[in-house]
Full PDB file with SEQRES, HELIX, SHEET, SSBOND, CRYST1, ORIGX, SCALE, CONECT and MASTER records, all heavy atoms in Angstrom:
SEQRES   1 A   33  GLY MET ARG LEU LEU GLY VAL THR ASN LEU ASP GLN LEU          
SEQRES   2 A   33  GLY PRO GLU TYR VAL ASP ILE LEU PRO ARG MET PRO PRO          
SEQRES   3 A   33  PRO LEU TYR ALA GLN PRO ARG                                  
HELIX    1 AA1 MET A    2  LEU A    5  1                                   4    
HELIX    2 AA2 LEU A   10  GLN A   12  5                                   3    
HELIX    3 AA3 PRO A   15  TYR A   17  5                                   3    
CRYST1    1.000    1.000    1.000  90.00  90.00  90.00 P 1           1          
ORIGX1      1.000000  0.000000  0.000000        0.00000                         
ORIGX2      0.000000  1.000000  0.000000        0.00000                         
ORIGX3      0.000000  0.000000  1.000000        0.00000                         
SCALE1      1.000000  0.000000  0.000000        0.00000                         
SCALE2      0.000000  1.000000  0.000000        0.00000                         
SCALE3      0.000000  0.000000  1.000000        0.00000                         
ATOM      1  N   GLY A   1       0.818   4.986  11.630  1.00  0.00           N  
ATOM      2  CA  GLY A   1       1.207   3.923  10.709  1.00  0.00           C  
ATOM      3  C   GLY A   1       2.685   3.598  10.800  1.00  0.00           C  
ATOM      4  O   GLY A   1       3.089   2.430  10.709  1.00  0.00           O  
ATOM      5  N   MET A   2       3.531   4.628  10.977  1.00  0.00           N  
ATOM      6  CA  MET A   2       4.973   4.391  11.112  1.00  0.00           C  
ATOM      7  C   MET A   2       5.266   3.533  12.335  1.00  0.00           C  
ATOM      8  O   MET A   2       6.062   2.575  12.259  1.00  0.00           O  
ATOM      9  CB  MET A   2       5.707   5.723  11.213  1.00  0.00           C  
ATOM     10  CG  MET A   2       5.728   6.528   9.925  1.00  0.00           C  
ATOM     11  SD  MET A   2       6.450   8.188  10.139  1.00  0.00           S  
ATOM     12  CE  MET A   2       8.154   7.776  10.513  1.00  0.00           C  
ATOM     13  N   ARG A   3       4.630   3.851  13.442  1.00  0.00           N  
ATOM     14  CA  ARG A   3       4.865   3.078  14.667  1.00  0.00           C  
ATOM     15  C   ARG A   3       4.440   1.621  14.485  1.00  0.00           C  
ATOM     16  O   ARG A   3       5.144   0.691  14.898  1.00  0.00           O  
ATOM     17  CB  ARG A   3       4.109   3.712  15.834  1.00  0.00           C  
ATOM     18  CG  ARG A   3       4.696   5.029  16.323  1.00  0.00           C  
ATOM     19  CD  ARG A   3       3.983   5.523  17.568  1.00  0.00           C  
ATOM     20  NE  ARG A   3       4.671   6.666  18.161  1.00  0.00           N  
ATOM     21  CZ  ARG A   3       4.354   7.931  17.920  1.00  0.00           C  
ATOM     22  NH1 ARG A   3       3.334   8.214  17.114  1.00  0.00           N  
ATOM     23  NH2 ARG A   3       5.041   8.911  18.482  1.00  0.00           N  
ATOM     24  N   LEU A   4       3.290   1.416  13.877  1.00  0.00           N  
ATOM     25  CA  LEU A   4       2.795   0.054  13.695  1.00  0.00           C  
ATOM     26  C   LEU A   4       3.579  -0.701  12.621  1.00  0.00           C  
ATOM     27  O   LEU A   4       3.618  -1.933  12.618  1.00  0.00           O  
ATOM     28  CB  LEU A   4       1.305   0.087  13.339  1.00  0.00           C  
ATOM     29  CG  LEU A   4       0.393   0.642  14.445  1.00  0.00           C  
ATOM     30  CD1 LEU A   4      -1.038   0.771  13.945  1.00  0.00           C  
ATOM     31  CD2 LEU A   4       0.448  -0.261  15.676  1.00  0.00           C  
ATOM     32  N   LEU A   5       4.213   0.047  11.727  1.00  0.00           N  
ATOM     33  CA  LEU A   5       5.026  -0.574  10.684  1.00  0.00           C  
ATOM     34  C   LEU A   5       6.439  -0.891  11.186  1.00  0.00           C  
ATOM     35  O   LEU A   5       7.133  -1.741  10.626  1.00  0.00           O  
ATOM     36  CB  LEU A   5       5.099   0.364   9.474  1.00  0.00           C  
ATOM     37  CG  LEU A   5       5.578  -0.178   8.134  1.00  0.00           C  
ATOM     38  CD1 LEU A   5       4.768  -1.391   7.700  1.00  0.00           C  
ATOM     39  CD2 LEU A   5       5.493   0.914   7.079  1.00  0.00           C  
ATOM     40  N   GLY A   6       6.846  -0.178  12.248  1.00  0.00           N  
ATOM     41  CA  GLY A   6       8.151  -0.445  12.823  1.00  0.00           C  
ATOM     42  C   GLY A   6       9.251   0.460  12.321  1.00  0.00           C  
ATOM     43  O   GLY A   6      10.425   0.073  12.310  1.00  0.00           O  
ATOM     44  N   VAL A   7       8.893   1.689  11.887  1.00  0.00           N  
ATOM     45  CA  VAL A   7       9.906   2.639  11.435  1.00  0.00           C  
ATOM     46  C   VAL A   7       9.762   3.934  12.235  1.00  0.00           C  
ATOM     47  O   VAL A   7       8.667   4.286  12.670  1.00  0.00           O  
ATOM     48  CB  VAL A   7       9.793   2.941   9.926  1.00  0.00           C  
ATOM     49  CG1 VAL A   7       9.978   1.682   9.114  1.00  0.00           C  
ATOM     50  CG2 VAL A   7       8.449   3.594   9.585  1.00  0.00           C  
ATOM     51  N   THR A   8      10.859   4.615  12.422  1.00  0.00           N  
ATOM     52  CA  THR A   8      10.834   5.865  13.186  1.00  0.00           C  
ATOM     53  C   THR A   8      11.200   7.073  12.334  1.00  0.00           C  
ATOM     54  O   THR A   8      11.100   8.195  12.789  1.00  0.00           O  
ATOM     55  CB  THR A   8      11.808   5.786  14.371  1.00  0.00           C  
ATOM     56  OG1 THR A   8      13.131   5.527  13.873  1.00  0.00           O  
ATOM     57  CG2 THR A   8      11.400   4.674  15.336  1.00  0.00           C  
ATOM     58  N   ASN A   9      11.622   6.840  11.099  1.00  0.00           N  
ATOM     59  CA  ASN A   9      12.027   7.911  10.199  1.00  0.00           C  
ATOM     60  C   ASN A   9      11.591   7.540   8.792  1.00  0.00           C  
ATOM     61  O   ASN A   9      11.671   6.373   8.393  1.00  0.00           O  
ATOM     62  CB  ASN A   9      13.544   8.109  10.263  1.00  0.00           C  
ATOM     63  CG  ASN A   9      13.992   9.353   9.533  1.00  0.00           C  
ATOM     64  OD1 ASN A   9      13.950   9.425   8.310  1.00  0.00           O  
ATOM     65  ND2 ASN A   9      14.416  10.365  10.286  1.00  0.00           N  
ATOM     66  N   LEU A  10      11.149   8.516   8.011  1.00  0.00           N  
ATOM     67  CA  LEU A  10      10.665   8.237   6.662  1.00  0.00           C  
ATOM     68  C   LEU A  10      11.750   7.642   5.780  1.00  0.00           C  
ATOM     69  O   LEU A  10      11.450   6.872   4.859  1.00  0.00           O  
ATOM     70  CB  LEU A  10      10.117   9.519   6.019  1.00  0.00           C  
ATOM     71  CG  LEU A  10       8.903  10.163   6.706  1.00  0.00           C  
ATOM     72  CD1 LEU A  10       8.509  11.447   5.985  1.00  0.00           C  
ATOM     73  CD2 LEU A  10       7.723   9.195   6.743  1.00  0.00           C  
ATOM     74  N   ASP A  11      12.996   7.973   6.042  1.00  0.00           N  
ATOM     75  CA  ASP A  11      14.088   7.433   5.233  1.00  0.00           C  
ATOM     76  C   ASP A  11      14.244   5.923   5.398  1.00  0.00           C  
ATOM     77  O   ASP A  11      14.888   5.268   4.576  1.00  0.00           O  
ATOM     78  CB  ASP A  11      15.409   8.120   5.598  1.00  0.00           C  
ATOM     79  CG  ASP A  11      15.458   9.565   5.125  1.00  0.00           C  
ATOM     80  OD1 ASP A  11      14.724   9.904   4.177  1.00  0.00           O  
ATOM     81  OD2 ASP A  11      16.226  10.363   5.711  1.00  0.00           O  
ATOM     82  N   GLN A  12      13.682   5.368   6.459  1.00  0.00           N  
ATOM     83  CA  GLN A  12      13.778   3.921   6.673  1.00  0.00           C  
ATOM     84  C   GLN A  12      12.824   3.138   5.778  1.00  0.00           C  
ATOM     85  O   GLN A  12      12.968   1.927   5.621  1.00  0.00           O  
ATOM     86  CB  GLN A  12      13.477   3.602   8.137  1.00  0.00           C  
ATOM     87  CG  GLN A  12      14.478   4.192   9.118  1.00  0.00           C  
ATOM     88  CD  GLN A  12      14.034   4.038  10.556  1.00  0.00           C  
ATOM     89  OE1 GLN A  12      13.002   3.446  10.851  1.00  0.00           O  
ATOM     90  NE2 GLN A  12      14.811   4.595  11.472  1.00  0.00           N  
ATOM     91  N   LEU A  13      11.842   3.826   5.197  1.00  0.00           N  
ATOM     92  CA  LEU A  13      10.867   3.133   4.347  1.00  0.00           C  
ATOM     93  C   LEU A  13      11.523   2.665   3.054  1.00  0.00           C  
ATOM     94  O   LEU A  13      12.366   3.346   2.482  1.00  0.00           O  
ATOM     95  CB  LEU A  13       9.704   4.067   4.018  1.00  0.00           C  
ATOM     96  CG  LEU A  13       8.778   4.426   5.175  1.00  0.00           C  
ATOM     97  CD1 LEU A  13       7.848   5.563   4.781  1.00  0.00           C  
ATOM     98  CD2 LEU A  13       7.966   3.198   5.603  1.00  0.00           C  
ATOM     99  N   GLY A  14      11.119   1.494   2.588  1.00  0.00           N  
ATOM    100  CA  GLY A  14      11.629   0.952   1.342  1.00  0.00           C  
ATOM    101  C   GLY A  14      10.717  -0.151   0.849  1.00  0.00           C  
ATOM    102  O   GLY A  14       9.754  -0.544   1.534  1.00  0.00           O  
ATOM    103  N   PRO A  15      10.985  -0.711  -0.339  1.00  0.00           N  
ATOM    104  CA  PRO A  15      10.128  -1.744  -0.915  1.00  0.00           C  
ATOM    105  C   PRO A  15       9.972  -2.975  -0.022  1.00  0.00           C  
ATOM    106  O   PRO A  15       8.977  -3.714  -0.154  1.00  0.00           O  
ATOM    107  CB  PRO A  15      10.846  -2.100  -2.220  1.00  0.00           C  
ATOM    108  CG  PRO A  15      11.683  -0.919  -2.549  1.00  0.00           C  
ATOM    109  CD  PRO A  15      12.099  -0.345  -1.234  1.00  0.00           C  
ATOM    110  N   GLU A  16      10.924  -3.190   0.892  1.00  0.00           N  
ATOM    111  CA  GLU A  16      10.836  -4.374   1.759  1.00  0.00           C  
ATOM    112  C   GLU A  16       9.670  -4.273   2.744  1.00  0.00           C  
ATOM    113  O   GLU A  16       9.305  -5.278   3.373  1.00  0.00           O  
ATOM    114  CB  GLU A  16      12.149  -4.567   2.514  1.00  0.00           C  
ATOM    115  CG  GLU A  16      12.491  -3.478   3.528  1.00  0.00           C  
ATOM    116  CD  GLU A  16      13.233  -2.304   2.930  1.00  0.00           C  
ATOM    117  OE1 GLU A  16      13.237  -2.168   1.679  1.00  0.00           O  
ATOM    118  OE2 GLU A  16      13.807  -1.512   3.721  1.00  0.00           O  
ATOM    119  N   TYR A  17       9.074  -3.089   2.867  1.00  0.00           N  
ATOM    120  CA  TYR A  17       7.957  -2.928   3.802  1.00  0.00           C  
ATOM    121  C   TYR A  17       6.590  -3.130   3.161  1.00  0.00           C  
ATOM    122  O   TYR A  17       5.564  -3.005   3.829  1.00  0.00           O  
ATOM    123  CB  TYR A  17       8.004  -1.543   4.450  1.00  0.00           C  
ATOM    124  CG  TYR A  17       9.043  -1.438   5.545  1.00  0.00           C  
ATOM    125  CD1 TYR A  17      10.315  -0.940   5.281  1.00  0.00           C  
ATOM    126  CD2 TYR A  17       8.755  -1.869   6.833  1.00  0.00           C  
ATOM    127  CE1 TYR A  17      11.271  -0.859   6.279  1.00  0.00           C  
ATOM    128  CE2 TYR A  17       9.700  -1.793   7.846  1.00  0.00           C  
ATOM    129  CZ  TYR A  17      10.963  -1.289   7.559  1.00  0.00           C  
ATOM    130  OH  TYR A  17      11.907  -1.212   8.552  1.00  0.00           O  
ATOM    131  N   VAL A  18       6.572  -3.435   1.859  1.00  0.00           N  
ATOM    132  CA  VAL A  18       5.283  -3.630   1.188  1.00  0.00           C  
ATOM    133  C   VAL A  18       5.304  -4.896   0.359  1.00  0.00           C  
ATOM    134  O   VAL A  18       6.362  -5.398  -0.042  1.00  0.00           O  
ATOM    135  CB  VAL A  18       4.930  -2.430   0.286  1.00  0.00           C  
ATOM    136  CG1 VAL A  18       4.687  -1.184   1.117  1.00  0.00           C  
ATOM    137  CG2 VAL A  18       5.999  -2.181  -0.765  1.00  0.00           C  
ATOM    138  N   ASP A  19       4.131  -5.411   0.116  1.00  0.00           N  
ATOM    139  CA  ASP A  19       3.941  -6.583  -0.731  1.00  0.00           C  
ATOM    140  C   ASP A  19       2.898  -6.211  -1.779  1.00  0.00           C  
ATOM    141  O   ASP A  19       1.811  -5.721  -1.430  1.00  0.00           O  
ATOM    142  CB  ASP A  19       3.459  -7.770   0.111  1.00  0.00           C  
ATOM    143  CG  ASP A  19       3.419  -9.058  -0.681  1.00  0.00           C  
ATOM    144  OD1 ASP A  19       4.101  -9.141  -1.714  1.00  0.00           O  
ATOM    145  OD2 ASP A  19       2.693  -9.980  -0.258  1.00  0.00           O  
ATOM    146  N   ILE A  20       3.209  -6.437  -3.058  1.00  0.00           N  
ATOM    147  CA  ILE A  20       2.323  -6.027  -4.143  1.00  0.00           C  
ATOM    148  C   ILE A  20       1.520  -7.226  -4.624  1.00  0.00           C  
ATOM    149  O   ILE A  20       2.075  -8.210  -5.113  1.00  0.00           O  
ATOM    150  CB  ILE A  20       3.117  -5.427  -5.327  1.00  0.00           C  
ATOM    151  CG1 ILE A  20       4.122  -4.386  -4.831  1.00  0.00           C  
ATOM    152  CG2 ILE A  20       2.159  -4.841  -6.348  1.00  0.00           C  
ATOM    153  CD1 ILE A  20       3.498  -3.217  -4.136  1.00  0.00           C  
ATOM    154  N   LEU A  21       0.215  -7.159  -4.493  1.00  0.00           N  
ATOM    155  CA  LEU A  21      -0.668  -8.214  -4.982  1.00  0.00           C  
ATOM    156  C   LEU A  21      -0.888  -8.045  -6.484  1.00  0.00           C  
ATOM    157  O   LEU A  21      -0.668  -6.969  -7.038  1.00  0.00           O  
ATOM    158  CB  LEU A  21      -2.003  -8.158  -4.243  1.00  0.00           C  
ATOM    159  CG  LEU A  21      -1.935  -8.281  -2.714  1.00  0.00           C  
ATOM    160  CD1 LEU A  21      -3.338  -8.215  -2.126  1.00  0.00           C  
ATOM    161  CD2 LEU A  21      -1.234  -9.559  -2.298  1.00  0.00           C  
ATOM    162  N   PRO A  22      -1.335  -9.091  -7.169  1.00  0.00           N  
ATOM    163  CA  PRO A  22      -1.569  -8.981  -8.620  1.00  0.00           C  
ATOM    164  C   PRO A  22      -2.585  -7.890  -8.934  1.00  0.00           C  
ATOM    165  O   PRO A  22      -3.523  -7.648  -8.172  1.00  0.00           O  
ATOM    166  CB  PRO A  22      -2.112 -10.370  -8.994  1.00  0.00           C  
ATOM    167  CG  PRO A  22      -1.594 -11.278  -7.928  1.00  0.00           C  
ATOM    168  CD  PRO A  22      -1.578 -10.463  -6.674  1.00  0.00           C  
ATOM    169  N   ARG A  23      -2.369  -7.242 -10.068  1.00  0.00           N  
ATOM    170  CA  ARG A  23      -3.290  -6.179 -10.478  1.00  0.00           C  
ATOM    171  C   ARG A  23      -4.615  -6.793 -10.917  1.00  0.00           C  
ATOM    172  O   ARG A  23      -4.659  -7.770 -11.666  1.00  0.00           O  
ATOM    173  CB  ARG A  23      -2.691  -5.368 -11.619  1.00  0.00           C  
ATOM    174  CG  ARG A  23      -3.543  -4.159 -12.014  1.00  0.00           C  
ATOM    175  CD  ARG A  23      -2.973  -3.405 -13.194  1.00  0.00           C  
ATOM    176  NE  ARG A  23      -1.667  -2.828 -12.925  1.00  0.00           N  
ATOM    177  CZ  ARG A  23      -1.049  -1.998 -13.756  1.00  0.00           C  
ATOM    178  NH1 ARG A  23      -1.614  -1.648 -14.894  1.00  0.00           N  
ATOM    179  NH2 ARG A  23       0.145  -1.519 -13.433  1.00  0.00           N  
ATOM    180  N   MET A  24      -5.703  -6.209 -10.459  1.00  0.00           N  
ATOM    181  CA  MET A  24      -7.048  -6.659 -10.809  1.00  0.00           C  
ATOM    182  C   MET A  24      -7.707  -5.623 -11.716  1.00  0.00           C  
ATOM    183  O   MET A  24      -7.426  -4.423 -11.610  1.00  0.00           O  
ATOM    184  CB  MET A  24      -7.892  -6.846  -9.550  1.00  0.00           C  
ATOM    185  CG  MET A  24      -7.342  -7.884  -8.587  1.00  0.00           C  
ATOM    186  SD  MET A  24      -7.373  -9.546  -9.289  1.00  0.00           S  
ATOM    187  CE  MET A  24      -9.145  -9.834  -9.323  1.00  0.00           C  
ATOM    188  N   PRO A  25      -8.604  -6.071 -12.614  1.00  0.00           N  
ATOM    189  CA  PRO A  25      -9.317  -5.096 -13.454  1.00  0.00           C  
ATOM    190  C   PRO A  25     -10.123  -4.138 -12.583  1.00  0.00           C  
ATOM    191  O   PRO A  25     -10.666  -4.539 -11.550  1.00  0.00           O  
ATOM    192  CB  PRO A  25     -10.242  -5.972 -14.314  1.00  0.00           C  
ATOM    193  CG  PRO A  25      -9.655  -7.344 -14.248  1.00  0.00           C  
ATOM    194  CD  PRO A  25      -9.006  -7.458 -12.899  1.00  0.00           C  
ATOM    195  N   PRO A  26     -10.204  -2.887 -12.965  1.00  0.00           N  
ATOM    196  CA  PRO A  26     -10.998  -1.927 -12.176  1.00  0.00           C  
ATOM    197  C   PRO A  26     -12.477  -2.238 -12.283  1.00  0.00           C  
ATOM    198  O   PRO A  26     -12.921  -2.898 -13.230  1.00  0.00           O  
ATOM    199  CB  PRO A  26     -10.658  -0.581 -12.817  1.00  0.00           C  
ATOM    200  CG  PRO A  26     -10.288  -0.915 -14.228  1.00  0.00           C  
ATOM    201  CD  PRO A  26      -9.593  -2.256 -14.143  1.00  0.00           C  
ATOM    202  N   PRO A  27     -13.276  -1.790 -11.334  1.00  0.00           N  
ATOM    203  CA  PRO A  27     -14.727  -1.976 -11.400  1.00  0.00           C  
ATOM    204  C   PRO A  27     -15.302  -1.095 -12.497  1.00  0.00           C  
ATOM    205  O   PRO A  27     -15.604   0.085 -12.291  1.00  0.00           O  
ATOM    206  CB  PRO A  27     -15.195  -1.545 -10.004  1.00  0.00           C  
ATOM    207  CG  PRO A  27     -14.152  -0.583  -9.535  1.00  0.00           C  
ATOM    208  CD  PRO A  27     -12.858  -1.041 -10.136  1.00  0.00           C  
ATOM    209  N   LEU A  28     -15.482  -1.659 -13.684  1.00  0.00           N  
ATOM    210  CA  LEU A  28     -15.759  -0.850 -14.865  1.00  0.00           C  
ATOM    211  C   LEU A  28     -17.051  -0.059 -14.767  1.00  0.00           C  
ATOM    212  O   LEU A  28     -17.102   1.122 -15.088  1.00  0.00           O  
ATOM    213  CB  LEU A  28     -15.804  -1.750 -16.112  1.00  0.00           C  
ATOM    214  CG  LEU A  28     -14.521  -2.520 -16.422  1.00  0.00           C  
ATOM    215  CD1 LEU A  28     -14.663  -3.274 -17.728  1.00  0.00           C  
ATOM    216  CD2 LEU A  28     -13.326  -1.583 -16.486  1.00  0.00           C  
ATOM    217  N   TYR A  29     -18.123  -0.700 -14.346  1.00  0.00           N  
ATOM    218  CA  TYR A  29     -19.411  -0.018 -14.386  1.00  0.00           C  
ATOM    219  C   TYR A  29     -20.047   0.099 -13.014  1.00  0.00           C  
ATOM    220  O   TYR A  29     -21.245   0.280 -12.895  1.00  0.00           O  
ATOM    221  CB  TYR A  29     -20.360  -0.745 -15.355  1.00  0.00           C  
ATOM    222  CG  TYR A  29     -19.838  -0.723 -16.766  1.00  0.00           C  
ATOM    223  CD1 TYR A  29     -19.308  -1.862 -17.353  1.00  0.00           C  
ATOM    224  CD2 TYR A  29     -19.829   0.468 -17.495  1.00  0.00           C  
ATOM    225  CE1 TYR A  29     -18.811  -1.831 -18.641  1.00  0.00           C  
ATOM    226  CE2 TYR A  29     -19.319   0.511 -18.781  1.00  0.00           C  
ATOM    227  CZ  TYR A  29     -18.827  -0.646 -19.354  1.00  0.00           C  
ATOM    228  OH  TYR A  29     -18.318  -0.606 -20.626  1.00  0.00           O  
ATOM    229  N   ALA A  30     -19.236  -0.022 -11.990  1.00  0.00           N  
ATOM    230  CA  ALA A  30     -19.767   0.148 -10.633  1.00  0.00           C  
ATOM    231  C   ALA A  30     -20.181   1.601 -10.443  1.00  0.00           C  
ATOM    232  O   ALA A  30     -19.674   2.508 -11.087  1.00  0.00           O  
ATOM    233  CB  ALA A  30     -18.714  -0.235  -9.602  1.00  0.00           C  
ATOM    234  N   GLN A  31     -21.128   1.807  -9.564  1.00  0.00           N  
ATOM    235  CA  GLN A  31     -21.534   3.160  -9.238  1.00  0.00           C  
ATOM    236  C   GLN A  31     -20.368   3.890  -8.569  1.00  0.00           C  
ATOM    237  O   GLN A  31     -19.551   3.281  -7.892  1.00  0.00           O  
ATOM    238  CB  GLN A  31     -22.738   3.150  -8.290  1.00  0.00           C  
ATOM    239  CG  GLN A  31     -24.013   2.649  -8.943  1.00  0.00           C  
ATOM    240  CD  GLN A  31     -24.459   3.563 -10.073  1.00  0.00           C  
ATOM    241  OE1 GLN A  31     -24.464   4.776  -9.939  1.00  0.00           O  
ATOM    242  NE2 GLN A  31     -24.806   2.969 -11.203  1.00  0.00           N  
ATOM    243  N   PRO A  32     -20.266   5.206  -8.785  1.00  0.00           N  
ATOM    244  CA  PRO A  32     -19.206   5.960  -8.107  1.00  0.00           C  
ATOM    245  C   PRO A  32     -19.251   5.729  -6.610  1.00  0.00           C  
ATOM    246  O   PRO A  32     -20.319   5.610  -6.018  1.00  0.00           O  
ATOM    247  CB  PRO A  32     -19.534   7.424  -8.453  1.00  0.00           C  
ATOM    248  CG  PRO A  32     -20.328   7.333  -9.721  1.00  0.00           C  
ATOM    249  CD  PRO A  32     -21.111   6.051  -9.612  1.00  0.00           C  
ATOM    250  N   ARG A  33     -18.068   5.641  -6.005  1.00  0.00           N  
ATOM    251  CA  ARG A  33     -17.984   5.402  -4.577  1.00  0.00           C  
ATOM    252  C   ARG A  33     -18.659   6.521  -3.812  1.00  0.00           C  
ATOM    253  O   ARG A  33     -18.423   7.695  -4.044  1.00  0.00           O  
ATOM    254  CB  ARG A  33     -16.513   5.317  -4.163  1.00  0.00           C  
ATOM    255  CG  ARG A  33     -16.301   5.113  -2.674  1.00  0.00           C  
ATOM    256  CD  ARG A  33     -14.816   5.215  -2.346  1.00  0.00           C  
ATOM    257  NE  ARG A  33     -14.276   6.499  -2.711  1.00  0.00           N  
ATOM    258  CZ  ARG A  33     -14.387   7.598  -1.975  1.00  0.00           C  
ATOM    259  NH1 ARG A  33     -15.043   7.552  -0.828  1.00  0.00           N  
ATOM    260  NH2 ARG A  33     -13.873   8.731  -2.377  1.00  0.00           N  
TER     261      ARG A  33                                                      
MASTER        0    0    0    3    0    0    0    6  260    1    0    3          
END                                                                             
């Protein structure tokens, strides 16, 4: 994942590497996965 993300050290990771989608309600009564 680091290689495909374009980082070589964990210290390089930061919020700029992720995008947060809107929170959705959890599947309330779905069967357990």
